[in-house]
Amino acid sequence: MAKNREPVLKRARALGIEPAYMGYNKKSNRHPAQSRKKKSEYGIQLNEKQKVKFLYGLQETQFRNTFEKASKRPGSAGENLLIMLESRFDNVVFRMGFAATRREARQLVNHGHFLVNGQKANIPSMELKAGDVVSVKQKSQSSVKFKELKDMIITTPEWIDLNMDKFEGKILRTPVRADVDMPIEEHYIVEFYSR
């Protein structure tokens, strides 16, 4: 399996992403990268695609396959893509506050710390639906990582109901475009792939 070992803050700065969207509380002291050349239309489209890929931690093939599935669904391909990315298992774990970053959420999912509707699940790309319940395994709840979360105040999006006493969260509804709080212009991604 391919892994992205690139420095997160350096890549975020190059793509023009605030580290807070990645789950990092660090602030860069450097000025944002400014190019003297005006970006071409292709450059703008490519940058937007790279930004979304990086935010959700996907490789090129996985991202393209997700876009193709999104374009086959009824409605806007760009909005469908963002909804599918928000509904991924690793992203839901991140949004529930069980992990500080999406990378950490992906690792926790891979290591099998979670159950979906009472069943063992360890596939980060699994798409969750409304009504699904994500819970931390009983054995994992006693680990230091999850004990620390018990005392923290976690804010979740409107489409997730979190119960920290039971270490579980329920997806109330499918996320919509308005729930994606990152500055993404998905129409550039659609234009990139429709060339």
N, C-alpha and C. Protein backbone atom coordinates (compact mmCIF):
# COMPACT_ATOMS: atom_id res chain seq x y z
N MET A 1 0.84 -1.18 0.00
CA MET A 1 0.00 0.00 0.00
C MET A 1 0.89 1.24 0.00
N ALA A 2 0.58 2.20 -0.83
CA ALA A 2 1.35 3.42 -0.92
C ALA A 2 1.04 4.32 0.28
N LYS A 3 2.06 4.98 0.78
CA LYS A 3 1.88 5.88 1.91
C LYS A 3 2.43 7.25 1.54
N ASN A 4 1.75 8.26 2.02
CA ASN A 4 2.21 9.63 1.81
C ASN A 4 3.04 10.03 3.02
N ARG A 5 4.35 10.13 2.81
CA ARG A 5 5.26 10.47 3.91
C ARG A 5 5.75 11.92 3.83
N GLU A 6 5.07 12.70 3.04
CA GLU A 6 5.44 14.09 2.84
C GLU A 6 5.16 14.91 4.10
N PRO A 7 6.02 15.88 4.43
CA PRO A 7 5.75 16.73 5.60
C PRO A 7 4.42 17.47 5.43
N VAL A 8 3.55 17.32 6.40
CA VAL A 8 2.18 17.82 6.29
C VAL A 8 2.13 19.34 6.18
N LEU A 9 2.82 20.04 7.06
CA LEU A 9 2.75 21.50 7.05
C LEU A 9 3.36 22.10 5.78
N LYS A 10 4.43 21.50 5.30
CA LYS A 10 5.07 21.99 4.08
C LYS A 10 4.13 21.83 2.89
N ARG A 11 3.49 20.67 2.80
CA ARG A 11 2.57 20.40 1.69
C ARG A 11 1.32 21.28 1.81
N ALA A 12 0.83 21.46 3.02
CA ALA A 12 -0.35 22.31 3.23
C ALA A 12 -0.06 23.74 2.80
N ARG A 13 1.11 24.23 3.12
CA ARG A 13 1.49 25.59 2.74
C ARG A 13 1.57 25.71 1.22
N ALA A 14 2.14 24.71 0.57
CA ALA A 14 2.28 24.74 -0.89
C ALA A 14 0.91 24.75 -1.58
N LEU A 15 -0.07 24.07 -0.99
CA LEU A 15 -1.40 24.00 -1.58
C LEU A 15 -2.31 25.15 -1.12
N GLY A 16 -1.84 25.95 -0.17
CA GLY A 16 -2.63 27.07 0.33
C GLY A 16 -3.71 26.65 1.32
N ILE A 17 -3.43 25.59 2.11
CA ILE A 17 -4.39 25.08 3.09
C ILE A 17 -3.95 25.50 4.48
N GLU A 18 -4.89 25.95 5.30
CA GLU A 18 -4.59 26.24 6.70
C GLU A 18 -4.37 24.91 7.43
N PRO A 19 -3.32 24.79 8.26
CA PRO A 19 -3.07 23.54 8.99
C PRO A 19 -4.23 23.11 9.89
N ALA A 20 -5.07 24.04 10.31
CA ALA A 20 -6.22 23.70 11.17
C ALA A 20 -7.18 22.76 10.46
N TYR A 21 -7.32 22.87 9.13
CA TYR A 21 -8.20 21.97 8.38
C TYR A 21 -7.67 20.54 8.39
N MET A 22 -6.37 20.41 8.61
CA MET A 22 -5.76 19.08 8.65
C MET A 22 -5.79 18.50 10.07
N GLY A 23 -6.20 19.32 11.04
CA GLY A 23 -6.25 18.86 12.42
C GLY A 23 -5.03 19.25 13.23
N TYR A 24 -4.19 20.13 12.66
CA TYR A 24 -2.98 20.57 13.35
C TYR A 24 -3.20 21.96 13.91
N ASN A 25 -2.72 22.19 15.14
CA ASN A 25 -2.88 23.49 15.77
C ASN A 25 -1.69 24.40 15.54
N LYS A 26 -0.76 23.98 14.72
CA LYS A 26 0.44 24.77 14.47
C LYS A 26 0.12 25.90 13.51
N LYS A 27 0.90 26.95 13.63
CA LYS A 27 0.75 28.07 12.73
C LYS A 27 2.09 28.30 12.06
N SER A 28 2.07 28.51 10.79
CA SER A 28 3.30 28.72 10.05
C SER A 28 3.76 30.17 10.21
N ASN A 29 5.04 30.35 10.46
CA ASN A 29 5.60 31.70 10.57
C ASN A 29 6.00 32.25 9.21
N ARG A 30 6.03 31.38 8.24
CA ARG A 30 6.44 31.82 6.91
C ARG A 30 5.26 32.43 6.17
N HIS A 31 5.59 33.24 5.20
CA HIS A 31 4.55 33.85 4.38
C HIS A 31 4.04 32.81 3.40
N PRO A 32 2.78 32.89 3.00
CA PRO A 32 2.27 31.91 2.05
C PRO A 32 3.05 31.97 0.73
N ALA A 33 3.18 30.81 0.12
CA ALA A 33 3.94 30.72 -1.13
C ALA A 33 3.23 31.55 -2.19
N GLN A 34 3.95 32.49 -2.76
CA GLN A 34 3.38 33.33 -3.80
C GLN A 34 4.15 33.11 -5.08
N SER A 35 3.39 32.84 -6.11
CA SER A 35 4.00 32.62 -7.42
C SER A 35 3.97 33.92 -8.21
N ARG A 36 5.04 34.19 -8.91
CA ARG A 36 5.07 35.41 -9.72
C ARG A 36 4.28 35.24 -11.01
N LYS A 37 4.20 33.99 -11.45
CA LYS A 37 3.44 33.72 -12.67
C LYS A 37 1.97 33.58 -12.32
N LYS A 38 1.14 33.98 -13.27
CA LYS A 38 -0.28 33.76 -13.11
C LYS A 38 -0.56 32.31 -13.44
N LYS A 39 -1.36 31.64 -12.60
CA LYS A 39 -1.66 30.23 -12.84
C LYS A 39 -2.59 30.08 -14.03
N SER A 40 -2.33 29.05 -14.81
CA SER A 40 -3.21 28.73 -15.94
C SER A 40 -4.48 28.09 -15.40
N GLU A 41 -5.46 27.94 -16.28
CA GLU A 41 -6.70 27.28 -15.89
C GLU A 41 -6.42 25.84 -15.43
N TYR A 42 -5.55 25.16 -16.16
CA TYR A 42 -5.16 23.80 -15.80
C TYR A 42 -4.49 23.78 -14.43
N GLY A 43 -3.62 24.75 -14.16
CA GLY A 43 -2.91 24.83 -12.89
C GLY A 43 -3.86 25.02 -11.72
N ILE A 44 -4.90 25.84 -11.92
CA ILE A 44 -5.90 26.08 -10.88
C ILE A 44 -6.69 24.80 -10.60
N GLN A 45 -7.09 24.11 -11.70
CA GLN A 45 -7.85 22.86 -11.56
C GLN A 45 -7.01 21.79 -10.85
N LEU A 46 -5.76 21.67 -11.27
CA LEU A 46 -4.86 20.67 -10.67
C LEU A 46 -4.64 20.95 -9.19
N ASN A 47 -4.43 22.22 -8.85
CA ASN A 47 -4.21 22.59 -7.45
C ASN A 47 -5.41 22.24 -6.58
N GLU A 48 -6.62 22.48 -7.10
CA GLU A 48 -7.83 22.17 -6.33
C GLU A 48 -7.97 20.67 -6.11
N LYS A 49 -7.67 19.89 -7.15
CA LYS A 49 -7.74 18.43 -7.03
C LYS A 49 -6.71 17.94 -6.02
N GLN A 50 -5.47 18.45 -6.11
CA GLN A 50 -4.40 18.05 -5.19
C GLN A 50 -4.75 18.42 -3.75
N LYS A 51 -5.40 19.56 -3.59
CA LYS A 51 -5.78 20.03 -2.26
C LYS A 51 -6.78 19.06 -1.61
N VAL A 52 -7.81 18.66 -2.35
CA VAL A 52 -8.82 17.76 -1.81
C VAL A 52 -8.22 16.38 -1.55
N LYS A 53 -7.39 15.91 -2.47
CA LYS A 53 -6.70 14.62 -2.29
C LYS A 53 -5.89 14.63 -1.01
N PHE A 54 -5.16 15.71 -0.79
CA PHE A 54 -4.30 15.84 0.39
C PHE A 54 -5.11 15.95 1.67
N LEU A 55 -6.19 16.74 1.63
CA LEU A 55 -7.02 16.91 2.83
C LEU A 55 -7.58 15.58 3.33
N TYR A 56 -8.04 14.75 2.40
CA TYR A 56 -8.66 13.48 2.78
C TYR A 56 -7.69 12.31 2.78
N GLY A 57 -6.44 12.54 2.39
CA GLY A 57 -5.41 11.52 2.47
C GLY A 57 -5.55 10.39 1.46
N LEU A 58 -5.94 10.71 0.24
CA LEU A 58 -6.12 9.69 -0.79
C LEU A 58 -4.98 9.74 -1.81
N GLN A 59 -4.71 8.59 -2.41
CA GLN A 59 -3.76 8.51 -3.51
C GLN A 59 -4.52 8.77 -4.81
N GLU A 60 -3.81 8.96 -5.91
CA GLU A 60 -4.43 9.36 -7.18
C GLU A 60 -5.48 8.35 -7.68
N THR A 61 -5.13 7.07 -7.70
CA THR A 61 -6.05 6.06 -8.24
C THR A 61 -7.34 5.99 -7.41
N GLN A 62 -7.18 6.01 -6.11
CA GLN A 62 -8.34 5.96 -5.21
C GLN A 62 -9.23 7.19 -5.40
N PHE A 63 -8.60 8.35 -5.57
CA PHE A 63 -9.35 9.59 -5.75
C PHE A 63 -10.11 9.57 -7.07
N ARG A 64 -9.45 9.12 -8.13
CA ARG A 64 -10.09 9.06 -9.45
C ARG A 64 -11.27 8.09 -9.43
N ASN A 65 -11.09 6.93 -8.79
CA ASN A 65 -12.18 5.96 -8.70
C ASN A 65 -13.38 6.53 -7.93
N THR A 66 -13.09 7.27 -6.87
CA THR A 66 -14.17 7.90 -6.09
C THR A 66 -14.89 8.93 -6.94
N PHE A 67 -14.13 9.70 -7.74
CA PHE A 67 -14.76 10.69 -8.61
C PHE A 67 -15.64 10.02 -9.65
N GLU A 68 -15.18 8.91 -10.23
CA GLU A 68 -15.98 8.20 -11.23
C GLU A 68 -17.28 7.68 -10.63
N LYS A 69 -17.23 7.17 -9.40
CA LYS A 69 -18.46 6.71 -8.72
C LYS A 69 -19.39 7.89 -8.47
N ALA A 70 -18.80 9.03 -8.06
CA ALA A 70 -19.60 10.22 -7.76
C ALA A 70 -20.28 10.76 -9.01
N SER A 71 -19.60 10.69 -10.15
CA SER A 71 -20.18 11.22 -11.39
C SER A 71 -21.31 10.35 -11.92
N LYS A 72 -21.38 9.08 -11.48
CA LYS A 72 -22.46 8.19 -11.92
C LYS A 72 -23.72 8.36 -11.07
N ARG A 73 -23.60 9.01 -9.93
CA ARG A 73 -24.76 9.24 -9.05
C ARG A 73 -25.55 10.44 -9.56
N PRO A 74 -26.85 10.47 -9.27
CA PRO A 74 -27.64 11.63 -9.70
C PRO A 74 -27.23 12.89 -8.95
N GLY A 75 -27.25 14.01 -9.65
CA GLY A 75 -26.88 15.28 -9.03
C GLY A 75 -25.52 15.76 -9.51
N SER A 76 -24.99 16.77 -8.85
CA SER A 76 -23.71 17.35 -9.22
C SER A 76 -22.55 16.42 -8.84
N ALA A 77 -21.67 16.16 -9.80
CA ALA A 77 -20.54 15.26 -9.56
C ALA A 77 -19.61 15.81 -8.48
N GLY A 78 -19.39 17.11 -8.47
CA GLY A 78 -18.51 17.73 -7.48
C GLY A 78 -19.06 17.60 -6.07
N GLU A 79 -20.34 17.89 -5.90
CA GLU A 79 -20.98 17.77 -4.58
C GLU A 79 -21.02 16.32 -4.14
N ASN A 80 -21.34 15.41 -5.06
CA ASN A 80 -21.36 13.98 -4.74
C ASN A 80 -19.99 13.52 -4.26
N LEU A 81 -18.94 14.01 -4.91
CA LEU A 81 -17.57 13.64 -4.53
C LEU A 81 -17.28 14.05 -3.09
N LEU A 82 -17.60 15.30 -2.75
CA LEU A 82 -17.33 15.79 -1.40
C LEU A 82 -18.17 15.05 -0.36
N ILE A 83 -19.41 14.71 -0.70
CA ILE A 83 -20.27 13.97 0.23
C ILE A 83 -19.71 12.57 0.44
N MET A 84 -19.24 11.93 -0.64
CA MET A 84 -18.64 10.59 -0.51
C MET A 84 -17.38 10.63 0.35
N LEU A 85 -16.56 11.67 0.17
CA LEU A 85 -15.34 11.81 0.97
C LEU A 85 -15.66 12.06 2.44
N GLU A 86 -16.68 12.86 2.70
CA GLU A 86 -17.09 13.13 4.09
C GLU A 86 -17.65 11.87 4.76
N SER A 87 -18.25 10.98 3.96
CA SER A 87 -18.89 9.77 4.49
C SER A 87 -17.92 8.62 4.69
N ARG A 88 -16.65 8.81 4.32
CA ARG A 88 -15.66 7.74 4.50
C ARG A 88 -15.50 7.43 6.00
N PHE A 89 -15.24 6.18 6.30
CA PHE A 89 -15.11 5.71 7.69
C PHE A 89 -14.03 6.50 8.44
N ASP A 90 -12.84 6.66 7.82
CA ASP A 90 -11.76 7.37 8.52
C ASP A 90 -12.12 8.83 8.77
N ASN A 91 -12.83 9.47 7.83
CA ASN A 91 -13.21 10.86 8.02
C ASN A 91 -14.28 10.99 9.11
N VAL A 92 -15.20 10.03 9.18
CA VAL A 92 -16.24 10.06 10.21
C VAL A 92 -15.60 9.92 11.60
N VAL A 93 -14.60 9.04 11.71
CA VAL A 93 -13.88 8.88 12.99
C VAL A 93 -13.20 10.20 13.37
N PHE A 94 -12.60 10.88 12.38
CA PHE A 94 -11.97 12.19 12.62
C PHE A 94 -13.01 13.22 13.05
N ARG A 95 -14.15 13.26 12.35
CA ARG A 95 -15.21 14.23 12.66
C ARG A 95 -15.84 13.97 14.04
N MET A 96 -15.84 12.71 14.48
CA MET A 96 -16.38 12.39 15.80
C MET A 96 -15.42 12.80 16.91
N GLY A 97 -14.18 13.12 16.56
CA GLY A 97 -13.21 13.56 17.56
C GLY A 97 -12.43 12.44 18.20
N PHE A 98 -12.55 11.21 17.68
CA PHE A 98 -11.78 10.08 18.21
C PHE A 98 -10.32 10.15 17.79
N ALA A 99 -10.01 10.99 16.79
CA ALA A 99 -8.63 11.16 16.32
C ALA A 99 -8.38 12.64 16.07
N ALA A 100 -7.13 13.06 16.29
CA ALA A 100 -6.78 14.47 16.11
C ALA A 100 -6.64 14.84 14.64
N THR A 101 -6.22 13.90 13.81
CA THR A 101 -6.03 14.15 12.38
C THR A 101 -6.66 13.00 11.58
N ARG A 102 -6.84 13.23 10.28
CA ARG A 102 -7.37 12.16 9.43
C ARG A 102 -6.37 11.02 9.29
N ARG A 103 -5.09 11.34 9.32
CA ARG A 103 -4.07 10.29 9.25
C ARG A 103 -4.15 9.38 10.48
N GLU A 104 -4.31 9.99 11.63
CA GLU A 104 -4.44 9.20 12.85
C GLU A 104 -5.72 8.37 12.82
N ALA A 105 -6.81 8.96 12.32
CA ALA A 105 -8.08 8.24 12.23
C ALA A 105 -7.93 7.02 11.31
N ARG A 106 -7.23 7.21 10.20
CA ARG A 106 -7.01 6.10 9.26
C ARG A 106 -6.24 4.96 9.94
N GLN A 107 -5.22 5.33 10.72
CA GLN A 107 -4.42 4.33 11.42
C GLN A 107 -5.26 3.59 12.48
N LEU A 108 -6.06 4.33 13.23
CA LEU A 108 -6.90 3.71 14.25
C LEU A 108 -7.91 2.74 13.62
N VAL A 109 -8.46 3.13 12.47
CA VAL A 109 -9.40 2.26 11.76
C VAL A 109 -8.68 1.01 11.26
N ASN A 110 -7.49 1.19 10.66
CA ASN A 110 -6.71 0.05 10.17
C ASN A 110 -6.36 -0.94 11.28
N HIS A 111 -6.12 -0.43 12.47
CA HIS A 111 -5.74 -1.28 13.59
C HIS A 111 -6.94 -1.92 14.27
N GLY A 112 -8.15 -1.65 13.75
CA GLY A 112 -9.34 -2.33 14.23
C GLY A 112 -9.86 -1.89 15.58
N HIS A 113 -9.78 -0.60 15.89
CA HIS A 113 -10.27 -0.10 17.18
C HIS A 113 -11.77 0.19 17.20
N PHE A 114 -12.43 0.09 16.03
CA PHE A 114 -13.83 0.51 15.94
C PHE A 114 -14.75 -0.59 15.45
N LEU A 115 -16.01 -0.45 15.83
CA LEU A 115 -17.08 -1.31 15.34
C LEU A 115 -18.09 -0.43 14.60
N VAL A 116 -18.66 -0.95 13.53
CA VAL A 116 -19.73 -0.26 12.82
C VAL A 116 -20.97 -1.14 12.94
N ASN A 117 -21.99 -0.61 13.59
CA ASN A 117 -23.24 -1.36 13.86
C ASN A 117 -22.94 -2.68 14.57
N GLY A 118 -21.96 -2.65 15.49
CA GLY A 118 -21.62 -3.82 16.29
C GLY A 118 -20.72 -4.83 15.59
N GLN A 119 -20.36 -4.57 14.34
CA GLN A 119 -19.50 -5.48 13.57
C GLN A 119 -18.10 -4.90 13.46
N LYS A 120 -17.09 -5.76 13.47
CA LYS A 120 -15.71 -5.32 13.31
C LYS A 120 -15.54 -4.70 11.93
N ALA A 121 -14.89 -3.56 11.87
CA ALA A 121 -14.65 -2.88 10.59
C ALA A 121 -13.27 -2.25 10.64
N ASN A 122 -12.46 -2.51 9.60
CA ASN A 122 -11.12 -1.92 9.56
C ASN A 122 -10.74 -1.42 8.17
N ILE A 123 -11.73 -1.01 7.39
CA ILE A 123 -11.48 -0.48 6.06
C ILE A 123 -11.77 1.02 6.07
N PRO A 124 -10.71 1.87 5.99
CA PRO A 124 -10.91 3.32 6.09
C PRO A 124 -11.77 3.92 4.98
N SER A 125 -11.78 3.30 3.80
CA SER A 125 -12.52 3.87 2.67
C SER A 125 -14.00 3.47 2.66
N MET A 126 -14.41 2.66 3.62
CA MET A 126 -15.81 2.22 3.68
C MET A 126 -16.72 3.44 3.81
N GLU A 127 -17.78 3.46 2.99
CA GLU A 127 -18.70 4.59 3.02
C GLU A 127 -19.83 4.30 4.00
N LEU A 128 -20.00 5.18 4.98
CA LEU A 128 -21.03 4.99 5.99
C LEU A 128 -22.31 5.72 5.58
N LYS A 129 -23.44 5.21 6.05
CA LYS A 129 -24.74 5.76 5.68
C LYS A 129 -25.45 6.30 6.93
N ALA A 130 -26.55 7.00 6.69
CA ALA A 130 -27.37 7.51 7.80
C ALA A 130 -27.88 6.33 8.61
N GLY A 131 -27.79 6.44 9.92
CA GLY A 131 -28.24 5.37 10.81
C GLY A 131 -27.12 4.48 11.30
N ASP A 132 -25.96 4.53 10.66
CA ASP A 132 -24.83 3.71 11.09
C ASP A 132 -24.30 4.22 12.44
N VAL A 133 -23.93 3.27 13.30
CA VAL A 133 -23.38 3.61 14.61
C VAL A 133 -21.93 3.16 14.66
N VAL A 134 -21.03 4.11 14.93
CA VAL A 134 -19.60 3.82 15.05
C VAL A 134 -19.27 3.85 16.54
N SER A 135 -18.68 2.76 17.03
CA SER A 135 -18.32 2.70 18.44
C SER A 135 -16.89 2.18 18.60
N VAL A 136 -16.27 2.58 19.71
CA VAL A 136 -14.92 2.11 20.03
C VAL A 136 -15.06 0.74 20.67
N LYS A 137 -14.21 -0.20 20.27
CA LYS A 137 -14.24 -1.55 20.83
C LYS A 137 -14.07 -1.48 22.35
N GLN A 138 -14.69 -2.40 23.04
CA GLN A 138 -14.61 -2.45 24.51
C GLN A 138 -13.16 -2.55 24.97
N LYS A 139 -12.38 -3.38 24.30
CA LYS A 139 -10.97 -3.58 24.66
C LYS A 139 -10.16 -2.30 24.47
N SER A 140 -10.48 -1.55 23.41
CA SER A 140 -9.74 -0.32 23.09
C SER A 140 -10.09 0.83 24.02
N GLN A 141 -11.28 0.80 24.61
CA GLN A 141 -11.72 1.91 25.47
C GLN A 141 -10.82 2.10 26.69
N SER A 142 -10.15 1.03 27.11
CA SER A 142 -9.29 1.13 28.29
C SER A 142 -7.90 1.68 27.95
N SER A 143 -7.62 1.90 26.65
CA SER A 143 -6.30 2.43 26.28
C SER A 143 -6.19 3.91 26.67
N VAL A 144 -4.97 4.37 26.83
CA VAL A 144 -4.69 5.75 27.25
C VAL A 144 -5.28 6.74 26.24
N LYS A 145 -5.17 6.42 24.96
CA LYS A 145 -5.65 7.30 23.89
C LYS A 145 -7.11 7.66 24.09
N PHE A 146 -7.96 6.66 24.35
CA PHE A 146 -9.40 6.91 24.46
C PHE A 146 -9.80 7.39 25.85
N LYS A 147 -9.03 7.05 26.88
CA LYS A 147 -9.32 7.55 28.23
C LYS A 147 -9.15 9.06 28.29
N GLU A 148 -8.15 9.58 27.55
CA GLU A 148 -7.92 11.03 27.51
C GLU A 148 -9.10 11.76 26.88
N LEU A 149 -9.76 11.14 25.92
CA LEU A 149 -10.89 11.77 25.22
C LEU A 149 -12.10 11.96 26.12
N LYS A 150 -12.21 11.14 27.15
CA LYS A 150 -13.37 11.17 28.04
C LYS A 150 -13.56 12.56 28.67
N ASP A 151 -12.45 13.23 28.99
CA ASP A 151 -12.51 14.52 29.67
C ASP A 151 -12.59 15.71 28.71
N MET A 152 -12.37 15.46 27.44
CA MET A 152 -12.32 16.56 26.46
C MET A 152 -13.72 16.94 25.97
N ILE A 153 -13.86 18.20 25.62
CA ILE A 153 -15.11 18.67 25.02
C ILE A 153 -14.92 18.59 23.51
N ILE A 154 -15.75 17.81 22.85
CA ILE A 154 -15.61 17.59 21.42
C ILE A 154 -16.83 18.15 20.71
N THR A 155 -16.58 18.99 19.70
CA THR A 155 -17.68 19.50 18.89
C THR A 155 -17.73 18.69 17.60
N THR A 156 -18.91 18.24 17.26
CA THR A 156 -19.09 17.43 16.06
C THR A 156 -20.02 18.17 15.09
N PRO A 157 -19.97 17.80 13.81
CA PRO A 157 -20.90 18.40 12.85
C PRO A 157 -22.35 18.02 13.18
N GLU A 158 -23.30 18.74 12.59
CA GLU A 158 -24.72 18.53 12.86
C GLU A 158 -25.19 17.13 12.47
N TRP A 159 -24.53 16.53 11.50
CA TRP A 159 -24.99 15.23 10.99
C TRP A 159 -24.50 14.05 11.83
N ILE A 160 -23.77 14.33 12.91
CA ILE A 160 -23.27 13.27 13.79
C ILE A 160 -23.75 13.53 15.22
N ASP A 161 -24.26 12.48 15.87
CA ASP A 161 -24.65 12.54 17.28
C ASP A 161 -23.65 11.71 18.07
N LEU A 162 -22.91 12.36 18.99
CA LEU A 162 -21.84 11.70 19.72
C LEU A 162 -22.23 11.48 21.18
N ASN A 163 -21.97 10.26 21.67
CA ASN A 163 -22.20 9.92 23.07
C ASN A 163 -20.86 9.44 23.64
N MET A 164 -20.14 10.34 24.31
CA MET A 164 -18.80 10.00 24.82
C MET A 164 -18.85 9.04 26.01
N ASP A 165 -19.98 8.95 26.70
CA ASP A 165 -20.08 8.00 27.81
C ASP A 165 -20.00 6.56 27.30
N LYS A 166 -20.59 6.32 26.15
CA LYS A 166 -20.57 4.98 25.54
C LYS A 166 -19.47 4.84 24.48
N PHE A 167 -18.75 5.93 24.21
CA PHE A 167 -17.74 5.96 23.15
C PHE A 167 -18.35 5.54 21.81
N GLU A 168 -19.47 6.16 21.46
CA GLU A 168 -20.08 5.85 20.18
C GLU A 168 -20.72 7.09 19.57
N GLY A 169 -20.84 7.06 18.27
CA GLY A 169 -21.47 8.14 17.55
C GLY A 169 -22.39 7.58 16.49
N LYS A 170 -23.48 8.27 16.24
CA LYS A 170 -24.45 7.83 15.24
C LYS A 170 -24.53 8.86 14.13
N ILE A 171 -24.59 8.37 12.90
CA ILE A 171 -24.74 9.26 11.75
C ILE A 171 -26.24 9.52 11.60
N LEU A 172 -26.65 10.76 11.86
CA LEU A 172 -28.06 11.12 11.82
C LEU A 172 -28.59 11.24 10.40
N ARG A 173 -27.76 11.78 9.51
CA ARG A 173 -28.15 11.95 8.12
C ARG A 173 -26.92 11.97 7.25
N THR A 174 -27.13 11.84 5.96
CA THR A 174 -26.01 11.94 5.02
C THR A 174 -25.53 13.38 5.00
N PRO A 175 -24.21 13.61 5.05
CA PRO A 175 -23.74 15.00 5.00
C PRO A 175 -24.11 15.66 3.67
N VAL A 176 -24.29 16.96 3.70
CA VAL A 176 -24.58 17.73 2.49
C VAL A 176 -23.41 18.67 2.23
N ARG A 177 -23.44 19.33 1.10
CA ARG A 177 -22.33 20.21 0.70
C ARG A 177 -22.07 21.29 1.75
N ALA A 178 -23.10 21.80 2.37
CA ALA A 178 -22.94 22.86 3.38
C ALA A 178 -22.18 22.37 4.62
N ASP A 179 -22.15 21.05 4.84
CA ASP A 179 -21.44 20.49 6.00
C ASP A 179 -19.93 20.45 5.80
N VAL A 180 -19.48 20.59 4.56
CA VAL A 180 -18.04 20.59 4.28
C VAL A 180 -17.54 22.00 4.54
N ASP A 181 -16.81 22.14 5.65
CA ASP A 181 -16.41 23.47 6.13
C ASP A 181 -15.08 23.96 5.56
N MET A 182 -14.54 23.25 4.58
CA MET A 182 -13.25 23.64 4.01
C MET A 182 -13.45 24.45 2.73
N PRO A 183 -12.52 25.36 2.44
CA PRO A 183 -12.66 26.17 1.22
C PRO A 183 -12.30 25.36 -0.03
N ILE A 184 -13.29 24.66 -0.56
CA ILE A 184 -13.07 23.81 -1.73
C ILE A 184 -13.99 24.28 -2.85
N GLU A 185 -13.42 24.43 -4.03
CA GLU A 185 -14.22 24.77 -5.21
C GLU A 185 -14.25 23.54 -6.10
N GLU A 186 -15.25 22.68 -5.84
CA GLU A 186 -15.30 21.37 -6.48
C GLU A 186 -15.51 21.41 -7.98
N HIS A 187 -16.03 22.53 -8.50
CA HIS A 187 -16.26 22.61 -9.95
C HIS A 187 -14.94 22.53 -10.72
N TYR A 188 -13.83 22.96 -10.11
CA TYR A 188 -12.52 22.84 -10.76
C TYR A 188 -12.11 21.37 -10.90
N ILE A 189 -12.47 20.54 -9.93
CA ILE A 189 -12.13 19.12 -9.99
C ILE A 189 -12.92 18.45 -11.11
N VAL A 190 -14.21 18.81 -11.22
CA VAL A 190 -15.05 18.27 -12.30
C VAL A 190 -14.47 18.68 -13.65
N GLU A 191 -14.07 19.94 -13.77
CA GLU A 191 -13.48 20.42 -15.03
C GLU A 191 -12.16 19.70 -15.33
N PHE A 192 -11.38 19.43 -14.28
CA PHE A 192 -10.09 18.73 -14.46
C PHE A 192 -10.31 17.35 -15.05
N TYR A 193 -11.26 16.60 -14.51
CA TYR A 193 -11.48 15.23 -14.97
C TYR A 193 -12.31 15.17 -16.27
N SER A 194 -12.98 16.25 -16.62
CA SER A 194 -13.78 16.21 -17.85
C SER A 194 -13.01 16.74 -19.06
N ARG A 195 -11.71 16.94 -18.92
CA ARG A 195 -10.90 17.40 -20.06
C ARG A 195 -10.81 16.31 -21.11
